Amino acid sequence: MIISKKISSSIAETLSANNIISEQEIPIYSYCLDYIIELFFLFIFAVLYGVFSHKLPETLIFLAVFTPLRSFGGGFHASTPKRCAILSLITFVFVLYSGAISSALTWQWTAAFAISLSVIAVLSPVGTKNRPMTPERKISLKKRCLLFCVILTILYIFFYLHNLQRLYGTLAICMLINLINIVAGYILEKKTTNI
């Protein structure tokens, strides 16, 4: 995003001018700040979209589930930040509007959630050529992913017991998408290591 690049470059140059960072660190800080600013803009866009489309609970579930699980579980990663942002927005809109069919699929969502959770717990974390992982990092992410899966299970049960079908449907869809993502990353990782 052009705006975030200008803002991040300006901040990094100001930090350098005030002797907080060195001149050599400007590109690194600019890149990191650009990433953070883009995430912030995407988050604000998603929340505003959720508010105006009357799907704020689904939006919050998507943001609370999708982002951490992507971080802890790994999987397929787009080759550029722009592609990542586009895929994330498409996924977000898909999740929001798929939740509308959730009321008709009670046991199917439960099965989808359980299967997705089980496979994610076994396969994660998955590194790719765009985001490789050290063995120590894999162990740390595995623990975080398993803890997060326990939290998601408690959340799913809560939504289910309170008959909040749109919410547990949205949670199941998020898990399915993360499952596809992790399996795709796993397959790509195996292909890369076998070549």
N, C-alpha and C. Protein backbone atom coordinates (compact mmCIF):
# COMPACT_ATOMS: atom_id res chain seq x y z
N MET A 1 0.84 -1.16 0.00
CA MET A 1 0.00 0.00 0.00
C MET A 1 0.90 1.24 0.00
N ILE A 2 0.64 2.16 -0.88
CA ILE A 2 1.48 3.34 -1.06
C ILE A 2 1.48 4.22 0.20
N ILE A 3 0.32 4.39 0.80
CA ILE A 3 0.21 5.24 1.99
C ILE A 3 1.06 4.68 3.13
N SER A 4 0.96 3.38 3.36
CA SER A 4 1.71 2.78 4.47
C SER A 4 3.21 2.85 4.22
N LYS A 5 3.63 2.72 2.96
CA LYS A 5 5.06 2.82 2.64
C LYS A 5 5.58 4.23 2.93
N LYS A 6 4.79 5.24 2.57
CA LYS A 6 5.20 6.63 2.82
C LYS A 6 5.27 6.90 4.32
N ILE A 7 4.26 6.43 5.05
CA ILE A 7 4.24 6.65 6.50
C ILE A 7 5.41 5.93 7.17
N SER A 8 5.63 4.67 6.80
CA SER A 8 6.70 3.90 7.43
C SER A 8 8.08 4.47 7.10
N SER A 9 8.27 4.90 5.86
CA SER A 9 9.55 5.52 5.48
C SER A 9 9.77 6.81 6.26
N SER A 10 8.73 7.60 6.40
CA SER A 10 8.83 8.86 7.13
C SER A 10 9.18 8.62 8.61
N ILE A 11 8.54 7.63 9.21
CA ILE A 11 8.83 7.31 10.62
C ILE A 11 10.26 6.81 10.77
N ALA A 12 10.69 5.91 9.88
CA ALA A 12 12.05 5.36 9.96
C ALA A 12 13.09 6.46 9.76
N GLU A 13 12.85 7.37 8.83
CA GLU A 13 13.79 8.47 8.60
C GLU A 13 13.83 9.42 9.80
N THR A 14 12.69 9.65 10.43
CA THR A 14 12.63 10.49 11.63
C THR A 14 13.40 9.82 12.78
N LEU A 15 13.24 8.52 12.93
CA LEU A 15 13.98 7.79 13.96
C LEU A 15 15.49 7.89 13.72
N SER A 16 15.89 7.81 12.46
CA SER A 16 17.30 7.93 12.12
C SER A 16 17.81 9.35 12.36
N ALA A 17 17.00 10.35 11.97
CA ALA A 17 17.40 11.74 12.16
C ALA A 17 17.56 12.09 13.64
N ASN A 18 16.80 11.42 14.49
CA ASN A 18 16.88 11.64 15.95
C ASN A 18 17.86 10.68 16.62
N ASN A 19 18.68 9.99 15.81
CA ASN A 19 19.72 9.06 16.29
C ASN A 19 19.17 7.93 17.15
N ILE A 20 17.92 7.52 16.88
CA ILE A 20 17.34 6.38 17.59
C ILE A 20 17.73 5.08 16.88
N ILE A 21 17.81 5.14 15.56
CA ILE A 21 18.30 4.01 14.76
C ILE A 21 19.37 4.53 13.82
N SER A 22 20.19 3.60 13.31
CA SER A 22 21.24 4.02 12.37
C SER A 22 20.65 4.14 10.96
N GLU A 23 21.41 4.77 10.10
CA GLU A 23 20.96 4.96 8.72
C GLU A 23 20.82 3.61 8.00
N GLN A 24 21.66 2.64 8.36
CA GLN A 24 21.59 1.32 7.75
C GLN A 24 20.32 0.58 8.16
N GLU A 25 19.75 0.93 9.29
CA GLU A 25 18.54 0.26 9.78
C GLU A 25 17.25 0.83 9.20
N ILE A 26 17.33 1.92 8.48
CA ILE A 26 16.13 2.55 7.91
C ILE A 26 15.32 1.58 7.07
N PRO A 27 15.93 0.83 6.12
CA PRO A 27 15.10 -0.10 5.32
C PRO A 27 14.42 -1.18 6.15
N ILE A 28 15.11 -1.67 7.18
CA ILE A 28 14.54 -2.72 8.03
C ILE A 28 13.34 -2.18 8.81
N TYR A 29 13.52 -1.03 9.44
CA TYR A 29 12.43 -0.43 10.19
C TYR A 29 11.28 -0.01 9.27
N SER A 30 11.63 0.49 8.12
CA SER A 30 10.61 0.90 7.15
C SER A 30 9.76 -0.30 6.74
N TYR A 31 10.41 -1.43 6.47
CA TYR A 31 9.70 -2.65 6.08
C TYR A 31 8.79 -3.14 7.21
N CYS A 32 9.33 -3.21 8.41
CA CYS A 32 8.54 -3.69 9.56
C CYS A 32 7.37 -2.77 9.87
N LEU A 33 7.62 -1.47 9.85
CA LEU A 33 6.55 -0.50 10.10
C LEU A 33 5.49 -0.57 9.01
N ASP A 34 5.92 -0.75 7.77
CA ASP A 34 4.97 -0.88 6.65
C ASP A 34 4.06 -2.09 6.88
N TYR A 35 4.63 -3.19 7.31
CA TYR A 35 3.86 -4.40 7.59
C TYR A 35 2.85 -4.16 8.71
N ILE A 36 3.28 -3.52 9.79
CA ILE A 36 2.40 -3.25 10.92
C ILE A 36 1.27 -2.29 10.51
N ILE A 37 1.61 -1.26 9.76
CA ILE A 37 0.60 -0.29 9.32
C ILE A 37 -0.41 -0.96 8.39
N GLU A 38 0.06 -1.82 7.48
CA GLU A 38 -0.86 -2.53 6.60
C GLU A 38 -1.80 -3.43 7.39
N LEU A 39 -1.27 -4.14 8.38
CA LEU A 39 -2.11 -4.98 9.24
C LEU A 39 -3.16 -4.13 9.96
N PHE A 40 -2.73 -2.98 10.45
CA PHE A 40 -3.65 -2.08 11.13
C PHE A 40 -4.77 -1.63 10.19
N PHE A 41 -4.40 -1.22 8.96
CA PHE A 41 -5.41 -0.79 7.99
C PHE A 41 -6.37 -1.93 7.65
N LEU A 42 -5.83 -3.14 7.47
CA LEU A 42 -6.69 -4.30 7.17
C LEU A 42 -7.63 -4.59 8.34
N PHE A 43 -7.12 -4.49 9.55
CA PHE A 43 -7.94 -4.72 10.74
C PHE A 43 -9.07 -3.68 10.81
N ILE A 44 -8.73 -2.42 10.63
CA ILE A 44 -9.75 -1.35 10.67
C ILE A 44 -10.76 -1.56 9.55
N PHE A 45 -10.30 -1.88 8.35
CA PHE A 45 -11.21 -2.14 7.23
C PHE A 45 -12.16 -3.28 7.58
N ALA A 46 -11.62 -4.37 8.12
CA ALA A 46 -12.45 -5.53 8.45
C ALA A 46 -13.50 -5.18 9.49
N VAL A 47 -13.11 -4.48 10.54
CA VAL A 47 -14.06 -4.12 11.59
C VAL A 47 -15.14 -3.18 11.04
N LEU A 48 -14.75 -2.19 10.28
CA LEU A 48 -15.74 -1.27 9.69
C LEU A 48 -16.67 -2.01 8.74
N TYR A 49 -16.12 -2.91 7.95
CA TYR A 49 -16.95 -3.71 7.05
C TYR A 49 -17.93 -4.56 7.85
N GLY A 50 -17.44 -5.16 8.93
CA GLY A 50 -18.31 -5.96 9.80
C GLY A 50 -19.43 -5.14 10.41
N VAL A 51 -19.12 -3.92 10.82
CA VAL A 51 -20.13 -3.04 11.41
C VAL A 51 -21.19 -2.68 10.37
N PHE A 52 -20.74 -2.22 9.20
CA PHE A 52 -21.69 -1.75 8.18
C PHE A 52 -22.46 -2.88 7.50
N SER A 53 -21.91 -4.09 7.53
CA SER A 53 -22.63 -5.23 6.94
C SER A 53 -23.44 -5.99 7.99
N HIS A 54 -23.43 -5.49 9.22
CA HIS A 54 -24.15 -6.11 10.34
C HIS A 54 -23.62 -7.52 10.63
N LYS A 55 -22.32 -7.68 10.48
CA LYS A 55 -21.67 -8.96 10.74
C LYS A 55 -20.45 -8.77 11.65
N LEU A 56 -20.58 -7.91 12.63
CA LEU A 56 -19.46 -7.65 13.53
C LEU A 56 -19.05 -8.88 14.34
N PRO A 57 -19.98 -9.67 14.91
CA PRO A 57 -19.54 -10.87 15.64
C PRO A 57 -18.72 -11.83 14.76
N GLU A 58 -19.19 -12.05 13.51
CA GLU A 58 -18.46 -12.92 12.60
C GLU A 58 -17.09 -12.34 12.26
N THR A 59 -17.04 -11.03 12.10
CA THR A 59 -15.77 -10.35 11.81
C THR A 59 -14.79 -10.54 12.95
N LEU A 60 -15.26 -10.36 14.17
CA LEU A 60 -14.38 -10.50 15.33
C LEU A 60 -13.90 -11.95 15.49
N ILE A 61 -14.78 -12.90 15.20
CA ILE A 61 -14.37 -14.31 15.25
C ILE A 61 -13.29 -14.57 14.20
N PHE A 62 -13.52 -14.08 13.00
CA PHE A 62 -12.52 -14.26 11.94
C PHE A 62 -11.17 -13.69 12.37
N LEU A 63 -11.16 -12.46 12.85
CA LEU A 63 -9.90 -11.82 13.25
C LEU A 63 -9.25 -12.53 14.43
N ALA A 64 -10.06 -12.98 15.38
CA ALA A 64 -9.53 -13.64 16.58
C ALA A 64 -9.05 -15.06 16.31
N VAL A 65 -9.58 -15.70 15.29
CA VAL A 65 -9.21 -17.09 14.99
C VAL A 65 -8.20 -17.17 13.86
N PHE A 66 -8.50 -16.53 12.78
CA PHE A 66 -7.70 -16.68 11.56
C PHE A 66 -6.27 -16.19 11.74
N THR A 67 -6.11 -15.00 12.27
CA THR A 67 -4.77 -14.41 12.38
C THR A 67 -3.85 -15.20 13.31
N PRO A 68 -4.26 -15.50 14.56
CA PRO A 68 -3.35 -16.27 15.42
C PRO A 68 -3.08 -17.68 14.89
N LEU A 69 -4.10 -18.32 14.36
CA LEU A 69 -3.90 -19.68 13.86
C LEU A 69 -2.95 -19.69 12.66
N ARG A 70 -3.02 -18.66 11.84
CA ARG A 70 -2.07 -18.54 10.74
C ARG A 70 -0.66 -18.35 11.27
N SER A 71 -0.54 -17.58 12.35
CA SER A 71 0.78 -17.32 12.94
C SER A 71 1.34 -18.57 13.61
N PHE A 72 0.50 -19.28 14.37
CA PHE A 72 0.97 -20.45 15.11
C PHE A 72 1.03 -21.71 14.25
N GLY A 73 0.11 -21.84 13.30
CA GLY A 73 0.02 -23.06 12.51
C GLY A 73 0.84 -23.07 11.25
N GLY A 74 1.19 -21.89 10.78
CA GLY A 74 1.95 -21.82 9.53
C GLY A 74 1.09 -22.20 8.35
N GLY A 75 1.70 -22.85 7.39
CA GLY A 75 0.97 -23.26 6.20
C GLY A 75 1.37 -22.46 4.99
N PHE A 76 0.53 -22.47 3.99
CA PHE A 76 0.81 -21.75 2.75
C PHE A 76 0.94 -20.26 3.02
N HIS A 77 1.96 -19.65 2.45
CA HIS A 77 2.14 -18.20 2.54
C HIS A 77 2.33 -17.65 1.14
N ALA A 78 1.63 -16.57 0.86
CA ALA A 78 1.77 -15.91 -0.44
C ALA A 78 3.19 -15.40 -0.59
N SER A 79 3.62 -15.28 -1.83
CA SER A 79 5.00 -14.88 -2.09
C SER A 79 5.26 -13.40 -1.90
N THR A 80 4.21 -12.57 -1.87
CA THR A 80 4.39 -11.13 -1.66
C THR A 80 3.34 -10.64 -0.65
N PRO A 81 3.64 -9.55 0.06
CA PRO A 81 2.66 -8.98 0.98
C PRO A 81 1.36 -8.56 0.28
N LYS A 82 1.47 -8.07 -0.95
CA LYS A 82 0.28 -7.65 -1.70
C LYS A 82 -0.64 -8.84 -1.96
N ARG A 83 -0.06 -9.96 -2.40
CA ARG A 83 -0.86 -11.17 -2.64
C ARG A 83 -1.47 -11.68 -1.34
N CYS A 84 -0.71 -11.57 -0.26
CA CYS A 84 -1.22 -11.98 1.05
C CYS A 84 -2.44 -11.15 1.44
N ALA A 85 -2.33 -9.84 1.25
CA ALA A 85 -3.45 -8.95 1.59
C ALA A 85 -4.68 -9.27 0.74
N ILE A 86 -4.49 -9.50 -0.54
CA ILE A 86 -5.61 -9.82 -1.44
C ILE A 86 -6.26 -11.14 -1.04
N LEU A 87 -5.45 -12.17 -0.80
CA LEU A 87 -5.99 -13.47 -0.39
C LEU A 87 -6.70 -13.36 0.96
N SER A 88 -6.15 -12.58 1.87
CA SER A 88 -6.78 -12.40 3.18
C SER A 88 -8.13 -11.72 3.05
N LEU A 89 -8.23 -10.70 2.21
CA LEU A 89 -9.51 -10.01 2.02
C LEU A 89 -10.54 -10.91 1.37
N ILE A 90 -10.14 -11.69 0.38
CA ILE A 90 -11.06 -12.63 -0.27
C ILE A 90 -11.54 -13.66 0.76
N THR A 91 -10.63 -14.17 1.56
CA THR A 91 -10.97 -15.14 2.59
C THR A 91 -11.94 -14.54 3.60
N PHE A 92 -11.67 -13.31 4.01
CA PHE A 92 -12.52 -12.61 4.97
C PHE A 92 -13.95 -12.49 4.45
N VAL A 93 -14.11 -12.03 3.23
CA VAL A 93 -15.45 -11.86 2.66
C VAL A 93 -16.14 -13.22 2.52
N PHE A 94 -15.39 -14.22 2.10
CA PHE A 94 -15.95 -15.57 1.98
C PHE A 94 -16.46 -16.08 3.32
N VAL A 95 -15.67 -15.90 4.37
CA VAL A 95 -16.07 -16.36 5.70
C VAL A 95 -17.33 -15.64 6.17
N LEU A 96 -17.37 -14.33 5.98
CA LEU A 96 -18.54 -13.57 6.44
C LEU A 96 -19.82 -14.05 5.79
N TYR A 97 -19.77 -14.31 4.50
CA TYR A 97 -21.00 -14.67 3.80
C TYR A 97 -21.28 -16.17 3.79
N SER A 98 -20.32 -16.97 4.16
CA SER A 98 -20.57 -18.41 4.31
C SER A 98 -21.28 -18.70 5.62
N GLY A 99 -21.11 -17.85 6.61
CA GLY A 99 -21.77 -18.03 7.90
C GLY A 99 -23.28 -17.99 7.81
N ALA A 100 -23.80 -17.40 6.74
CA ALA A 100 -25.25 -17.30 6.58
C ALA A 100 -25.90 -18.67 6.40
N ILE A 101 -25.15 -19.64 5.89
CA ILE A 101 -25.72 -20.98 5.69
C ILE A 101 -25.54 -21.87 6.91
N SER A 102 -24.92 -21.33 7.95
CA SER A 102 -24.57 -22.17 9.10
C SER A 102 -25.76 -22.72 9.88
N SER A 103 -26.89 -22.04 9.84
CA SER A 103 -28.02 -22.50 10.65
C SER A 103 -28.57 -23.85 10.16
N ALA A 104 -28.33 -24.20 8.91
CA ALA A 104 -28.85 -25.44 8.37
C ALA A 104 -27.88 -26.61 8.54
N LEU A 105 -26.69 -26.35 9.05
CA LEU A 105 -25.65 -27.38 9.06
C LEU A 105 -25.08 -27.63 10.46
N THR A 106 -25.93 -27.87 11.42
CA THR A 106 -25.48 -27.99 12.81
C THR A 106 -24.44 -29.09 12.99
N TRP A 107 -24.78 -30.33 12.71
CA TRP A 107 -23.84 -31.42 12.97
C TRP A 107 -22.68 -31.39 11.97
N GLN A 108 -22.93 -30.88 10.76
CA GLN A 108 -21.86 -30.80 9.76
C GLN A 108 -20.76 -29.83 10.21
N TRP A 109 -21.17 -28.69 10.81
CA TRP A 109 -20.16 -27.74 11.29
C TRP A 109 -19.37 -28.35 12.43
N THR A 110 -20.04 -29.10 13.28
CA THR A 110 -19.34 -29.73 14.40
C THR A 110 -18.32 -30.75 13.88
N ALA A 111 -18.72 -31.54 12.90
CA ALA A 111 -17.79 -32.50 12.29
C ALA A 111 -16.64 -31.78 11.60
N ALA A 112 -16.95 -30.73 10.85
CA ALA A 112 -15.91 -29.97 10.15
C ALA A 112 -14.93 -29.35 11.15
N PHE A 113 -15.47 -28.81 12.23
CA PHE A 113 -14.61 -28.21 13.26
C PHE A 113 -13.70 -29.27 13.87
N ALA A 114 -14.28 -30.40 14.26
CA ALA A 114 -13.49 -31.46 14.92
C ALA A 114 -12.40 -32.02 14.01
N ILE A 115 -12.75 -32.27 12.75
CA ILE A 115 -11.75 -32.79 11.81
C ILE A 115 -10.66 -31.76 11.55
N SER A 116 -11.07 -30.52 11.30
CA SER A 116 -10.08 -29.45 11.06
C SER A 116 -9.15 -29.29 12.25
N LEU A 117 -9.73 -29.25 13.44
CA LEU A 117 -8.95 -29.08 14.65
C LEU A 117 -7.94 -30.22 14.81
N SER A 118 -8.38 -31.44 14.57
CA SER A 118 -7.50 -32.60 14.74
C SER A 118 -6.33 -32.57 13.76
N VAL A 119 -6.62 -32.30 12.51
CA VAL A 119 -5.55 -32.28 11.49
C VAL A 119 -4.60 -31.11 11.74
N ILE A 120 -5.15 -29.95 12.08
CA ILE A 120 -4.30 -28.79 12.38
C ILE A 120 -3.39 -29.09 13.57
N ALA A 121 -3.94 -29.72 14.60
CA ALA A 121 -3.14 -30.05 15.79
C ALA A 121 -2.01 -31.01 15.45
N VAL A 122 -2.24 -31.94 14.53
CA VAL A 122 -1.21 -32.92 14.16
C VAL A 122 -0.16 -32.31 13.23
N LEU A 123 -0.60 -31.58 12.19
CA LEU A 123 0.33 -31.09 11.18
C LEU A 123 1.08 -29.82 11.55
N SER A 124 0.47 -28.99 12.35
CA SER A 124 1.08 -27.67 12.60
C SER A 124 2.28 -27.78 13.53
N PRO A 125 3.17 -26.84 13.43
CA PRO A 125 3.26 -25.77 12.45
C PRO A 125 3.94 -26.24 11.17
N VAL A 126 3.55 -25.61 10.09
CA VAL A 126 4.09 -25.96 8.78
C VAL A 126 4.84 -24.75 8.22
N GLY A 127 6.11 -24.95 7.91
CA GLY A 127 6.91 -23.90 7.29
C GLY A 127 6.86 -24.06 5.78
N THR A 128 7.19 -23.02 5.09
CA THR A 128 7.27 -23.06 3.62
C THR A 128 8.54 -22.35 3.19
N LYS A 129 8.81 -22.39 1.89
CA LYS A 129 10.01 -21.71 1.40
C LYS A 129 9.92 -20.20 1.64
N ASN A 130 8.69 -19.66 1.65
CA ASN A 130 8.51 -18.23 1.93
C ASN A 130 8.60 -17.91 3.42
N ARG A 131 8.47 -18.96 4.25
CA ARG A 131 8.52 -18.75 5.70
C ARG A 131 9.07 -20.01 6.38
N PRO A 132 10.36 -20.27 6.25
CA PRO A 132 10.94 -21.46 6.88
C PRO A 132 11.01 -21.32 8.41
N MET A 133 11.13 -22.48 9.10
CA MET A 133 11.16 -22.48 10.56
C MET A 133 12.31 -23.33 11.07
N THR A 134 12.92 -22.88 12.15
CA THR A 134 13.94 -23.68 12.81
C THR A 134 13.23 -24.72 13.68
N PRO A 135 13.92 -25.79 14.08
CA PRO A 135 13.30 -26.80 14.96
C PRO A 135 12.81 -26.20 16.28
N GLU A 136 13.58 -25.26 16.85
CA GLU A 136 13.17 -24.63 18.10
C GLU A 136 11.88 -23.82 17.91
N ARG A 137 11.80 -23.12 16.79
CA ARG A 137 10.61 -22.32 16.49
C ARG A 137 9.40 -23.23 16.29
N LYS A 138 9.61 -24.38 15.64
CA LYS A 138 8.51 -25.32 15.43
C LYS A 138 7.94 -25.81 16.76
N ILE A 139 8.82 -26.13 17.70
CA ILE A 139 8.37 -26.61 19.02
C ILE A 139 7.56 -25.52 19.74
N SER A 140 8.07 -24.31 19.70
CA SER A 140 7.38 -23.19 20.35
C SER A 140 6.01 -22.95 19.71
N LEU A 141 5.96 -22.95 18.38
CA LEU A 141 4.69 -22.71 17.68
C LEU A 141 3.71 -23.87 17.88
N LYS A 142 4.23 -25.09 17.97
CA LYS A 142 3.37 -26.26 18.21
C LYS A 142 2.64 -26.11 19.54
N LYS A 143 3.37 -25.72 20.58
CA LYS A 143 2.76 -25.54 21.90
C LYS A 143 1.69 -24.45 21.85
N ARG A 144 2.01 -23.34 21.21
CA ARG A 144 1.05 -22.24 21.09
C ARG A 144 -0.18 -22.67 20.31
N CYS A 145 0.04 -23.39 19.23
CA CYS A 145 -1.07 -23.84 18.39
C CYS A 145 -1.98 -24.80 19.17
N LEU A 146 -1.40 -25.72 19.91
CA LEU A 146 -2.20 -26.66 20.69
C LEU A 146 -3.00 -25.94 21.78
N LEU A 147 -2.38 -24.99 22.45
CA LEU A 147 -3.10 -24.21 23.45
C LEU A 147 -4.24 -23.42 22.79
N PHE A 148 -3.97 -22.84 21.65
CA PHE A 148 -5.00 -22.08 20.94
C PHE A 148 -6.14 -23.00 20.49
N CYS A 149 -5.81 -24.21 20.08
CA CYS A 149 -6.85 -25.18 19.69
C CYS A 149 -7.75 -25.54 20.87
N VAL A 150 -7.18 -25.65 22.06
CA VAL A 150 -7.98 -25.91 23.26
C VAL A 150 -8.93 -24.73 23.51
N ILE A 151 -8.41 -23.52 23.40
CA ILE A 151 -9.25 -22.33 23.60
C ILE A 151 -10.37 -22.28 22.56
N LEU A 152 -10.05 -22.60 21.30
CA LEU A 152 -11.07 -22.60 20.25
C LEU A 152 -12.14 -23.66 20.50
N THR A 153 -11.73 -24.80 21.02
CA THR A 153 -12.69 -25.85 21.34
C THR A 153 -13.66 -25.39 22.42
N ILE A 154 -13.14 -24.74 23.45
CA ILE A 154 -14.00 -24.20 24.52
C ILE A 154 -14.96 -23.17 23.94
N LEU A 155 -14.46 -22.31 23.08
CA LEU A 155 -15.29 -21.29 22.44
C LEU A 155 -16.37 -21.92 21.57
N TYR A 156 -16.00 -22.95 20.81
CA TYR A 156 -16.97 -23.64 19.95
C TYR A 156 -18.08 -24.27 20.81
N ILE A 157 -17.68 -24.95 21.87
CA ILE A 157 -18.67 -25.58 22.76
C ILE A 157 -19.60 -24.54 23.37
N PHE A 158 -19.05 -23.40 23.77
CA PHE A 158 -19.87 -22.32 24.32
C PHE A 158 -20.90 -21.85 23.30
N PHE A 159 -20.46 -21.58 22.07
CA PHE A 159 -21.38 -21.14 21.02
C PHE A 159 -22.43 -22.21 20.74
N TYR A 160 -22.00 -23.46 20.73
CA TYR A 160 -22.91 -24.57 20.43
C TYR A 160 -23.97 -24.71 21.53
N LEU A 161 -23.53 -24.70 22.77
CA LEU A 161 -24.46 -24.87 23.89
C LEU A 161 -25.46 -23.70 24.01
N HIS A 162 -25.07 -22.54 23.53
CA HIS A 162 -25.95 -21.37 23.56
C HIS A 162 -26.68 -21.18 22.23
N ASN A 163 -26.60 -22.20 21.38
CA ASN A 163 -27.31 -22.20 20.09
C ASN A 163 -27.00 -20.98 19.23
N LEU A 164 -25.74 -20.56 19.24
CA LEU A 164 -25.30 -19.43 18.43
C LEU A 164 -24.74 -19.97 17.11
N GLN A 165 -25.66 -20.42 16.26
CA GLN A 165 -25.29 -21.15 15.04
C GLN A 165 -24.42 -20.34 14.10
N ARG A 166 -24.73 -19.07 13.92
CA ARG A 166 -23.91 -18.24 13.02
C ARG A 166 -22.48 -18.16 13.52
N LEU A 167 -22.32 -18.14 14.84
CA LEU A 167 -20.98 -17.98 15.40
C LEU A 167 -20.18 -19.28 15.35
N TYR A 168 -20.81 -20.40 15.72
CA TYR A 168 -20.03 -21.64 15.62
C TYR A 168 -19.85 -22.06 14.17
N GLY A 169 -20.78 -21.67 13.30
CA GLY A 169 -20.59 -21.90 11.86
C GLY A 169 -19.41 -21.11 11.33
N THR A 170 -19.32 -19.85 11.74
CA THR A 170 -18.19 -19.00 11.33
C THR A 170 -16.88 -19.55 11.86
N LEU A 171 -16.88 -20.02 13.10
CA LEU A 171 -15.68 -20.60 13.69
C LEU A 171 -15.27 -21.86 12.92
N ALA A 172 -16.23 -22.69 12.56
CA ALA A 172 -15.93 -23.91 11.80
C ALA A 172 -15.38 -23.57 10.42
N ILE A 173 -15.94 -22.54 9.77
CA ILE A 173 -15.44 -22.13 8.45
C ILE A 173 -14.00 -21.63 8.56
N CYS A 174 -13.72 -20.85 9.59
CA CYS A 174 -12.35 -20.38 9.81
C CYS A 174 -11.39 -21.56 9.97
N MET A 175 -11.83 -22.56 10.70
CA MET A 175 -10.99 -23.74 10.91
C MET A 175 -10.78 -24.50 9.60
N LEU A 176 -11.85 -24.63 8.80
CA LEU A 176 -11.73 -25.30 7.50
C LEU A 176 -10.74 -24.59 6.59
N ILE A 177 -10.82 -23.28 6.56
CA ILE A 177 -9.90 -22.51 5.71
C ILE A 177 -8.47 -22.66 6.21
N ASN A 178 -8.28 -22.63 7.52
CA ASN A 178 -6.94 -22.84 8.07
C ASN A 178 -6.46 -24.26 7.79
N LEU A 179 -7.37 -25.22 7.83
CA LEU A 179 -7.01 -26.60 7.49
C LEU A 179 -6.50 -26.68 6.05
N ILE A 180 -7.24 -26.09 5.12
CA ILE A 180 -6.82 -26.09 3.71
C ILE A 180 -5.46 -25.43 3.57
N ASN A 181 -5.28 -24.34 4.26
CA ASN A 181 -4.03 -23.59 4.22
C ASN A 181 -2.86 -24.42 4.76
N ILE A 182 -3.07 -25.09 5.87
CA ILE A 182 -2.01 -25.89 6.48
C ILE A 182 -1.69 -27.12 5.64
N VAL A 183 -2.73 -27.77 5.11
CA VAL A 183 -2.49 -28.94 4.25
C VAL A 183 -1.76 -28.52 2.98
N ALA A 184 -2.16 -27.38 2.38
CA ALA A 184 -1.47 -26.90 1.17
C ALA A 184 -0.01 -26.59 1.49
N GLY A 185 0.24 -25.95 2.62
CA GLY A 185 1.61 -25.67 3.02
C GLY A 185 2.40 -26.93 3.29
N TYR A 186 1.75 -27.92 3.90
CA TYR A 186 2.40 -29.19 4.20
C TYR A 186 2.81 -29.90 2.91
N ILE A 187 1.90 -29.92 1.94
CA ILE A 187 2.20 -30.57 0.65
C ILE A 187 3.34 -29.83 -0.05
N LEU A 188 3.27 -28.52 -0.07
CA LEU A 188 4.34 -27.73 -0.70
C LEU A 188 5.67 -27.94 0.01
N GLU A 189 5.65 -28.03 1.34
CA GLU A 189 6.86 -28.26 2.10
C GLU A 189 7.47 -29.62 1.76
N LYS A 190 6.63 -30.64 1.65
CA LYS A 190 7.11 -31.98 1.31
C LYS A 190 7.69 -32.02 -0.11
N LYS A 191 7.03 -31.33 -1.04
CA LYS A 191 7.54 -31.27 -2.42
C LYS A 191 8.89 -30.58 -2.46
N THR A 192 9.02 -29.49 -1.70
CA THR A 192 10.26 -28.72 -1.69
C THR A 192 11.39 -29.54 -1.08
N THR A 193 11.14 -30.26 0.01
CA THR A 193 12.18 -31.03 0.66
C THR A 193 12.54 -32.31 -0.10
N ASN A 194 11.64 -32.80 -0.95
CA ASN A 194 11.91 -34.01 -1.73
C ASN A 194 12.58 -33.72 -3.07
N ILE A 195 12.70 -32.44 -3.42
CA ILE A 195 13.32 -32.10 -4.73
C ILE A 195 14.81 -32.08 -4.62
